[in-house]
Each structure stands twice: as structure tokens, then as C-alpha cells.
Amino acid sequence: MMIANYHTHTRYCDGKGTPEQLVQKAISLGCPAIGFSGHSFTFFDQSYCMSLASTEEYKADVRRLKEKYRGKIKIFLGVEQDYFSDMPTDEYDYIIGAVHYVKKDGLFLPVDGSEQKSVVTQYYDGDYYAFAEDYYELMADLYRKTRCNVVAHFDLVAKFNEQDTLFDTGCKRYRRAAEKALRALMKEPVAFEINNGAVTRGYRSEPYPAP
């Protein structure tokens, strides 16, 4: 089995390495391909995403590497397009669609930030199921909004819910919201990624999405 990764972040957003460093590592591991997927610009939170200027630098850098390493590895220029990003995507080889925020009372509330618990307490009176319902409603609409090829970390809302410490993922309200989104997305031409991000960071013991 040949393994490749297409959800790759660099120092252009919230990653650490340069694209070239990651290309060289992929080659050393014997990967036939690597895809870069910088976080698209979101005006309301610029702490994690590519800036408007770095977006152009990112695209130019990856295109340069495509030519430099031609014949050694296939390199793809992608983007992780947030639901609330309005950045154009026509220049990319592929689009990973993602929901990182819910919008409530005019505010963009982070789904996967360390402040998730305080967000649910403050804006949802501690009702994690209402929070999850809002999240999955956006997930159900993700393809229409982003025209993505791949759905990112489908159950991101459960990032901090290892062993159901915050809410019961078997609860009918949670299952109903998640399965409604699944049914909607399964009608579209999308793939669901297997994402180990939360596992490598010690938040979850299983990848997104859960079985």
C-alpha cells in the first residue's frame, strides 16, 4: 500500500515546516505524492490561517516545488476552505472543506479551540447537543458552500470529548444531527478524510471520523 498525505499545513498558516522541508520528508518516507492544504483566510480570525499576502506566497512556493521535484514526487496545491471563508478557490488542485466555527448571535464561535467548553457554557447554557446541532447543520451544507472534494475532520465537534467526558455521542440528539449531515454529504461527490490530527496531539484515541 502506498501512503500519501493531502492534508498538510506549513508555516504559511498554523503549521511549522516549510513546504520544501515537508516535500523532502515525504520523499524520504517513500510517499508517491503530497498535497498541501493551507487554511483559507478568514477575516474574523487571522490567528491560524494564511494572510492575504501569504496566500499568494504559498501558491507560488508550491508551484515552484512542483517543477523542482517533478519526477521524484507528485505535489498538489490544495486549500482547506473554511465554511465562512469567501476566498476564491479556482486556482487549487483540490479543496478540503471544513467547519471550524459556528455563528451565533452574530459571533463566530470556535469549534476546535481550547475555549470550546467556555463557549458552550456561555452561549449554549452548557447544552453540548445544541452546539453539536449547529455544527452539523453547517457540515450538511459544506459542499454547497465550498464545493469541496474532501470533507475534513467530520466530527471535529467531539475533539475534546474523549470517552464521552463532555457529552454522550450515543445520545439520539447527537446521532440524529450527525447522521443528517452524513446523509446530506453522501449525496455529493466528496470523500471523507481519515484525520489523525487530534490523535497526534493527544486529544483523541481514534481519528476523525469516529467509527
C-alpha atoms as a PDB file:
ATOM      1  CA  MET A   1       0.000   0.000   0.000  1.00  0.00           C
ATOM      2  CA  MET A   2       1.340   3.402  -0.974  1.00  0.00           C
ATOM      3  CA  ILE A   3       0.612   6.106   1.567  1.00  0.00           C
ATOM      4  CA  ALA A   4       0.308   9.805   0.829  1.00  0.00           C
ATOM      5  CA  ASN A   5      -0.990  12.790   2.771  1.00  0.00           C
ATOM      6  CA  TYR A   6      -3.116  15.559   1.306  1.00  0.00           C
ATOM      7  CA  HIS A   7      -3.992  17.482   4.479  1.00  0.00           C
ATOM      8  CA  THR A   8      -0.678  19.228   5.083  1.00  0.00           C
ATOM      9  CA  HIS A   9      -0.124  22.583   6.794  1.00  0.00           C
ATOM     10  CA  THR A  10       3.026  24.659   6.680  1.00  0.00           C
ATOM     11  CA  ARG A  11       4.378  27.789   8.303  1.00  0.00           C
ATOM     12  CA  TYR A  12       2.222  29.766   5.876  1.00  0.00           C
ATOM     13  CA  CYS A  13      -0.653  29.078   8.296  1.00  0.00           C
ATOM     14  CA  ASP A  14      -0.586  27.097  11.560  1.00  0.00           C
ATOM     15  CA  GLY A  15       1.989  24.502  10.537  1.00  0.00           C
ATOM     16  CA  LYS A  16       5.671  24.552  11.445  1.00  0.00           C
ATOM     17  CA  GLY A  17       7.748  23.440   8.474  1.00  0.00           C
ATOM     18  CA  THR A  18       8.287  24.965   5.070  1.00  0.00           C
ATOM     19  CA  PRO A  19       6.669  23.280   2.076  1.00  0.00           C
ATOM     20  CA  GLU A  20      10.089  22.198   0.826  1.00  0.00           C
ATOM     21  CA  GLN A  21      11.018  20.594   4.144  1.00  0.00           C
ATOM     22  CA  LEU A  22       7.805  18.591   4.047  1.00  0.00           C
ATOM     23  CA  VAL A  23       8.346  17.575   0.425  1.00  0.00           C
ATOM     24  CA  GLN A  24      11.808  16.301   1.287  1.00  0.00           C
ATOM     25  CA  LYS A  25      10.435  14.370   4.265  1.00  0.00           C
ATOM     26  CA  ALA A  26       7.711  12.816   2.112  1.00  0.00           C
ATOM     27  CA  ILE A  27      10.313  11.722  -0.429  1.00  0.00           C
ATOM     28  CA  SER A  28      12.447  10.177   2.331  1.00  0.00           C
ATOM     29  CA  LEU A  29       9.411   8.218   3.531  1.00  0.00           C
ATOM     30  CA  GLY A  30       8.714   6.914   0.043  1.00  0.00           C
ATOM     31  CA  CYS A  31       5.448   8.780  -0.425  1.00  0.00           C
ATOM     32  CA  PRO A  32       4.377   8.947  -4.069  1.00  0.00           C
ATOM     33  CA  ALA A  33       2.599  12.264  -3.518  1.00  0.00           C
ATOM     34  CA  ILE A  34       1.985  15.090  -1.101  1.00  0.00           C
ATOM     35  CA  GLY A  35      -0.802  17.646  -1.093  1.00  0.00           C
ATOM     36  CA  PHE A  36      -0.655  20.997   0.659  1.00  0.00           C
ATOM     37  CA  SER A  37      -3.823  22.475   2.137  1.00  0.00           C
ATOM     38  CA  GLY A  38      -3.185  25.846   3.733  1.00  0.00           C
ATOM     39  CA  HIS A  39      -6.019  27.297   5.812  1.00  0.00           C
ATOM     40  CA  SER A  40      -8.015  29.790   3.769  1.00  0.00           C
ATOM     41  CA  PHE A  41      -8.166  33.364   5.018  1.00  0.00           C
ATOM     42  CA  THR A  42     -10.963  34.183   7.464  1.00  0.00           C
ATOM     43  CA  PHE A  43     -11.332  37.876   8.259  1.00  0.00           C
ATOM     44  CA  PHE A  44     -12.736  37.333  11.766  1.00  0.00           C
ATOM     45  CA  ASP A  45      -9.863  35.140  12.998  1.00  0.00           C
ATOM     46  CA  GLN A  46      -6.457  35.514  11.392  1.00  0.00           C
ATOM     47  CA  SER A  47      -4.514  33.675  14.091  1.00  0.00           C
ATOM     48  CA  TYR A  48      -4.435  30.297  12.336  1.00  0.00           C
ATOM     49  CA  CYS A  49      -4.958  30.915   8.639  1.00  0.00           C
ATOM     50  CA  MET A  50      -2.959  32.249   5.723  1.00  0.00           C
ATOM     51  CA  SER A  51      -2.982  36.017   5.419  1.00  0.00           C
ATOM     52  CA  LEU A  52      -3.969  37.597   2.136  1.00  0.00           C
ATOM     53  CA  ALA A  53      -0.301  38.178   1.310  1.00  0.00           C
ATOM     54  CA  SER A  54       0.933  34.767   2.435  1.00  0.00           C
ATOM     55  CA  THR A  55      -1.799  33.076   0.387  1.00  0.00           C
ATOM     56  CA  GLU A  56      -0.117  34.313  -2.787  1.00  0.00           C
ATOM     57  CA  GLU A  57       3.333  33.361  -1.470  1.00  0.00           C
ATOM     58  CA  TYR A  58       2.044  29.894  -0.589  1.00  0.00           C
ATOM     59  CA  LYS A  59       0.646  29.280  -4.062  1.00  0.00           C
ATOM     60  CA  ALA A  60       3.834  30.451  -5.736  1.00  0.00           C
ATOM     61  CA  ASP A  61       6.020  28.349  -3.430  1.00  0.00           C
ATOM     62  CA  VAL A  62       4.095  25.124  -4.003  1.00  0.00           C
ATOM     63  CA  ARG A  63       4.051  25.694  -7.752  1.00  0.00           C
ATOM     64  CA  ARG A  64       7.819  26.189  -7.673  1.00  0.00           C
ATOM     65  CA  LEU A  65       8.255  22.909  -5.803  1.00  0.00           C
ATOM     66  CA  LYS A  66       6.058  21.095  -8.308  1.00  0.00           C
ATOM     67  CA  GLU A  67       8.597  21.877 -11.002  1.00  0.00           C
ATOM     68  CA  LYS A  68      11.686  21.400  -8.846  1.00  0.00           C
ATOM     69  CA  TYR A  69      10.692  17.892  -7.717  1.00  0.00           C
ATOM     70  CA  ARG A  70       8.982  16.756 -10.892  1.00  0.00           C
ATOM     71  CA  GLY A  71       9.730  13.071 -11.444  1.00  0.00           C
ATOM     72  CA  LYS A  72      10.525  12.491  -7.760  1.00  0.00           C
ATOM     73  CA  ILE A  73       7.123  13.071  -6.174  1.00  0.00           C
ATOM     74  CA  LYS A  74       3.727  14.403  -7.212  1.00  0.00           C
ATOM     75  CA  ILE A  75       2.892  17.669  -5.486  1.00  0.00           C
ATOM     76  CA  PHE A  76      -0.608  19.091  -5.325  1.00  0.00           C
ATOM     77  CA  LEU A  77      -1.664  22.630  -4.474  1.00  0.00           C
ATOM     78  CA  GLY A  78      -4.745  22.494  -2.263  1.00  0.00           C
ATOM     79  CA  VAL A  79      -6.573  24.590   0.298  1.00  0.00           C
ATOM     80  CA  GLU A  80      -8.540  23.887   3.448  1.00  0.00           C
ATOM     81  CA  GLN A  81     -11.518  26.103   2.823  1.00  0.00           C
ATOM     82  CA  ASP A  82     -13.419  27.084   5.935  1.00  0.00           C
ATOM     83  CA  TYR A  83     -17.199  27.297   5.634  1.00  0.00           C
ATOM     84  CA  PHE A  84     -17.068  31.004   6.445  1.00  0.00           C
ATOM     85  CA  SER A  85     -14.201  31.870   4.116  1.00  0.00           C
ATOM     86  CA  ASP A  86     -15.041  33.719   0.928  1.00  0.00           C
ATOM     87  CA  MET A  87     -11.616  33.339  -0.683  1.00  0.00           C
ATOM     88  CA  PRO A  88     -11.648  32.115  -4.313  1.00  0.00           C
ATOM     89  CA  THR A  89     -10.604  28.504  -4.853  1.00  0.00           C
ATOM     90  CA  ASP A  90     -10.373  28.188  -8.632  1.00  0.00           C
ATOM     91  CA  GLU A  91      -6.542  28.097  -8.674  1.00  0.00           C
ATOM     92  CA  TYR A  92      -6.261  24.998  -6.471  1.00  0.00           C
ATOM     93  CA  ASP A  93      -5.905  21.366  -7.493  1.00  0.00           C
ATOM     94  CA  TYR A  94      -8.338  20.281  -4.785  1.00  0.00           C
ATOM     95  CA  ILE A  95     -10.370  21.686  -1.904  1.00  0.00           C
ATOM     96  CA  ILE A  96     -10.727  20.309   1.604  1.00  0.00           C
ATOM     97  CA  GLY A  97     -13.908  21.687   3.146  1.00  0.00           C
ATOM     98  CA  ALA A  98     -14.044  22.336   6.880  1.00  0.00           C
ATOM     99  CA  VAL A  99     -16.193  23.846   9.593  1.00  0.00           C
ATOM    100  CA  HIS A 100     -14.083  25.444  12.331  1.00  0.00           C
ATOM    101  CA  TYR A 101     -16.719  27.836  13.690  1.00  0.00           C
ATOM    102  CA  VAL A 102     -20.407  28.129  14.359  1.00  0.00           C
ATOM    103  CA  LYS A 103     -22.095  31.511  14.096  1.00  0.00           C
ATOM    104  CA  LYS A 104     -24.423  32.509  16.886  1.00  0.00           C
ATOM    105  CA  ASP A 105     -25.831  35.934  17.728  1.00  0.00           C
ATOM    106  CA  GLY A 106     -23.521  37.428  15.104  1.00  0.00           C
ATOM    107  CA  LEU A 107     -20.412  35.925  16.675  1.00  0.00           C
ATOM    108  CA  PHE A 108     -18.049  33.325  15.197  1.00  0.00           C
ATOM    109  CA  LEU A 109     -17.505  30.712  17.904  1.00  0.00           C
ATOM    110  CA  PRO A 110     -14.583  28.258  17.544  1.00  0.00           C
ATOM    111  CA  VAL A 111     -15.420  24.570  17.389  1.00  0.00           C
ATOM    112  CA  ASP A 112     -11.949  23.141  17.977  1.00  0.00           C
ATOM    113  CA  GLY A 113     -10.286  25.764  20.162  1.00  0.00           C
ATOM    114  CA  SER A 114      -9.208  25.192  23.743  1.00  0.00           C
ATOM    115  CA  GLU A 115     -12.013  27.544  24.816  1.00  0.00           C
ATOM    116  CA  GLN A 116     -14.722  25.209  23.477  1.00  0.00           C
ATOM    117  CA  LYS A 117     -16.105  24.376  26.922  1.00  0.00           C
ATOM    118  CA  SER A 118     -16.433  28.037  27.923  1.00  0.00           C
ATOM    119  CA  VAL A 119     -18.088  28.790  24.556  1.00  0.00           C
ATOM    120  CA  VAL A 120     -20.726  26.115  25.146  1.00  0.00           C
ATOM    121  CA  THR A 121     -21.251  27.294  28.721  1.00  0.00           C
ATOM    122  CA  GLN A 122     -21.576  30.958  27.775  1.00  0.00           C
ATOM    123  CA  TYR A 123     -23.531  30.780  24.530  1.00  0.00           C
ATOM    124  CA  TYR A 124     -25.412  27.478  24.805  1.00  0.00           C
ATOM    125  CA  ASP A 125     -26.090  27.328  28.549  1.00  0.00           C
ATOM    126  CA  GLY A 126     -23.908  24.226  28.663  1.00  0.00           C
ATOM    127  CA  ASP A 127     -26.023  22.342  26.100  1.00  0.00           C
ATOM    128  CA  TYR A 128     -23.432  20.477  24.032  1.00  0.00           C
ATOM    129  CA  TYR A 129     -26.149  18.882  21.919  1.00  0.00           C
ATOM    130  CA  ALA A 130     -27.416  22.287  20.757  1.00  0.00           C
ATOM    131  CA  PHE A 131     -23.822  23.208  19.951  1.00  0.00           C
ATOM    132  CA  ALA A 132     -23.383  19.970  18.002  1.00  0.00           C
ATOM    133  CA  GLU A 133     -26.654  20.526  16.135  1.00  0.00           C
ATOM    134  CA  ASP A 134     -25.495  23.950  14.949  1.00  0.00           C
ATOM    135  CA  TYR A 135     -22.148  22.475  13.920  1.00  0.00           C
ATOM    136  CA  TYR A 136     -23.627  19.578  11.948  1.00  0.00           C
ATOM    137  CA  GLU A 137     -26.131  21.863  10.249  1.00  0.00           C
ATOM    138  CA  LEU A 138     -23.157  23.687   8.730  1.00  0.00           C
ATOM    139  CA  MET A 139     -21.440  20.388   7.906  1.00  0.00           C
ATOM    140  CA  ALA A 140     -24.517  19.280   5.987  1.00  0.00           C
ATOM    141  CA  ASP A 141     -24.207  22.427   3.856  1.00  0.00           C
ATOM    142  CA  LEU A 142     -20.422  22.218   3.437  1.00  0.00           C
ATOM    143  CA  TYR A 143     -20.317  21.020  -0.172  1.00  0.00           C
ATOM    144  CA  ARG A 144     -22.776  23.657  -1.366  1.00  0.00           C
ATOM    145  CA  LYS A 145     -20.780  26.402   0.319  1.00  0.00           C
ATOM    146  CA  THR A 146     -17.213  25.329  -0.519  1.00  0.00           C
ATOM    147  CA  ARG A 147     -17.556  22.910  -3.470  1.00  0.00           C
ATOM    148  CA  CYS A 148     -15.004  20.774  -1.668  1.00  0.00           C
ATOM    149  CA  ASN A 149     -13.601  17.476  -2.905  1.00  0.00           C
ATOM    150  CA  VAL A 150     -12.836  16.234   0.610  1.00  0.00           C
ATOM    151  CA  VAL A 151     -14.659  16.654   3.931  1.00  0.00           C
ATOM    152  CA  ALA A 152     -12.246  17.461   6.763  1.00  0.00           C
ATOM    153  CA  HIS A 153     -12.469  16.022  10.294  1.00  0.00           C
ATOM    154  CA  PHE A 154     -16.199  15.336  10.082  1.00  0.00           C
ATOM    155  CA  ASP A 155     -16.828  15.102  13.854  1.00  0.00           C
ATOM    156  CA  LEU A 156     -14.478  17.902  14.925  1.00  0.00           C
ATOM    157  CA  VAL A 157     -17.061  18.979  17.497  1.00  0.00           C
ATOM    158  CA  ALA A 158     -16.035  15.924  19.548  1.00  0.00           C
ATOM    159  CA  LYS A 159     -12.341  16.858  19.636  1.00  0.00           C
ATOM    160  CA  PHE A 160     -12.260  17.237  23.429  1.00  0.00           C
ATOM    161  CA  ASN A 161     -14.845  14.553  24.158  1.00  0.00           C
ATOM    162  CA  GLU A 162     -12.573  11.559  24.691  1.00  0.00           C
ATOM    163  CA  GLN A 163     -14.525   8.754  26.401  1.00  0.00           C
ATOM    164  CA  ASP A 164     -17.643  10.956  26.239  1.00  0.00           C
ATOM    165  CA  THR A 165     -16.494  13.137  29.121  1.00  0.00           C
ATOM    166  CA  LEU A 166     -18.432  16.184  27.860  1.00  0.00           C
ATOM    167  CA  PHE A 167     -21.443  14.635  26.133  1.00  0.00           C
ATOM    168  CA  ASP A 168     -22.766  11.262  25.042  1.00  0.00           C
ATOM    169  CA  THR A 169     -22.065  10.582  21.370  1.00  0.00           C
ATOM    170  CA  GLY A 170     -24.646   7.810  21.562  1.00  0.00           C
ATOM    171  CA  CYS A 171     -27.378  10.275  22.507  1.00  0.00           C
ATOM    172  CA  LYS A 172     -30.216  10.381  19.992  1.00  0.00           C
ATOM    173  CA  ARG A 173     -29.914  14.154  19.564  1.00  0.00           C
ATOM    174  CA  TYR A 174     -26.236  13.886  18.712  1.00  0.00           C
ATOM    175  CA  ARG A 175     -26.663  10.874  16.437  1.00  0.00           C
ATOM    176  CA  ARG A 176     -29.591  12.474  14.632  1.00  0.00           C
ATOM    177  CA  ALA A 177     -27.627  15.666  13.906  1.00  0.00           C
ATOM    178  CA  ALA A 178     -24.509  13.803  12.775  1.00  0.00           C
ATOM    179  CA  GLU A 179     -26.358  11.310  10.595  1.00  0.00           C
ATOM    180  CA  LYS A 180     -28.415  14.050   8.944  1.00  0.00           C
ATOM    181  CA  ALA A 181     -25.173  15.743   7.912  1.00  0.00           C
ATOM    182  CA  LEU A 182     -23.728  12.427   6.736  1.00  0.00           C
ATOM    183  CA  ARG A 183     -26.747  11.693   4.570  1.00  0.00           C
ATOM    184  CA  ALA A 184     -26.582  15.151   3.014  1.00  0.00           C
ATOM    185  CA  LEU A 185     -22.867  14.902   2.232  1.00  0.00           C
ATOM    186  CA  MET A 186     -23.104  11.353   0.906  1.00  0.00           C
ATOM    187  CA  LYS A 187     -25.285  12.703  -1.921  1.00  0.00           C
ATOM    188  CA  GLU A 188     -22.394  14.874  -3.073  1.00  0.00           C
ATOM    189  CA  PRO A 189     -19.140  13.983  -4.929  1.00  0.00           C
ATOM    190  CA  VAL A 190     -16.954  14.148  -1.828  1.00  0.00           C
ATOM    191  CA  ALA A 191     -14.567  11.871   0.048  1.00  0.00           C
ATOM    192  CA  PHE A 192     -14.265  11.777   3.833  1.00  0.00           C
ATOM    193  CA  GLU A 193     -10.711  12.041   5.079  1.00  0.00           C
ATOM    194  CA  ILE A 194      -9.203   9.951   7.856  1.00  0.00           C
ATOM    195  CA  ASN A 195      -7.589  12.593  10.040  1.00  0.00           C
ATOM    196  CA  ASN A 196      -5.162  11.802  12.865  1.00  0.00           C
ATOM    197  CA  GLY A 197      -4.590  15.390  13.963  1.00  0.00           C
ATOM    198  CA  ALA A 198      -6.297  15.056  17.348  1.00  0.00           C
ATOM    199  CA  VAL A 199      -4.643  11.686  17.971  1.00  0.00           C
ATOM    200  CA  THR A 200      -1.130  13.035  17.439  1.00  0.00           C
ATOM    201  CA  ARG A 201      -1.908  15.946  19.778  1.00  0.00           C
ATOM    202  CA  GLY A 202      -3.242  13.652  22.487  1.00  0.00           C
ATOM    203  CA  TYR A 203      -6.884  14.790  22.406  1.00  0.00           C
ATOM    204  CA  ARG A 204      -8.410  11.632  20.944  1.00  0.00           C
ATOM    205  CA  SER A 205      -7.523   7.964  20.792  1.00  0.00           C
ATOM    206  CA  GLU A 206      -9.216   7.468  17.422  1.00  0.00           C
ATOM    207  CA  PRO A 207      -9.085   9.508  14.206  1.00  0.00           C
ATOM    208  CA  TYR A 208     -11.810  11.657  12.718  1.00  0.00           C
ATOM    209  CA  PRO A 209     -14.395  10.463  11.965  1.00  0.00           C
ATOM    210  CA  ALA A 210     -15.154   8.037  14.789  1.00  0.00           C
ATOM    211  CA  PRO A 211     -16.327   4.596  13.595  1.00  0.00           C
END
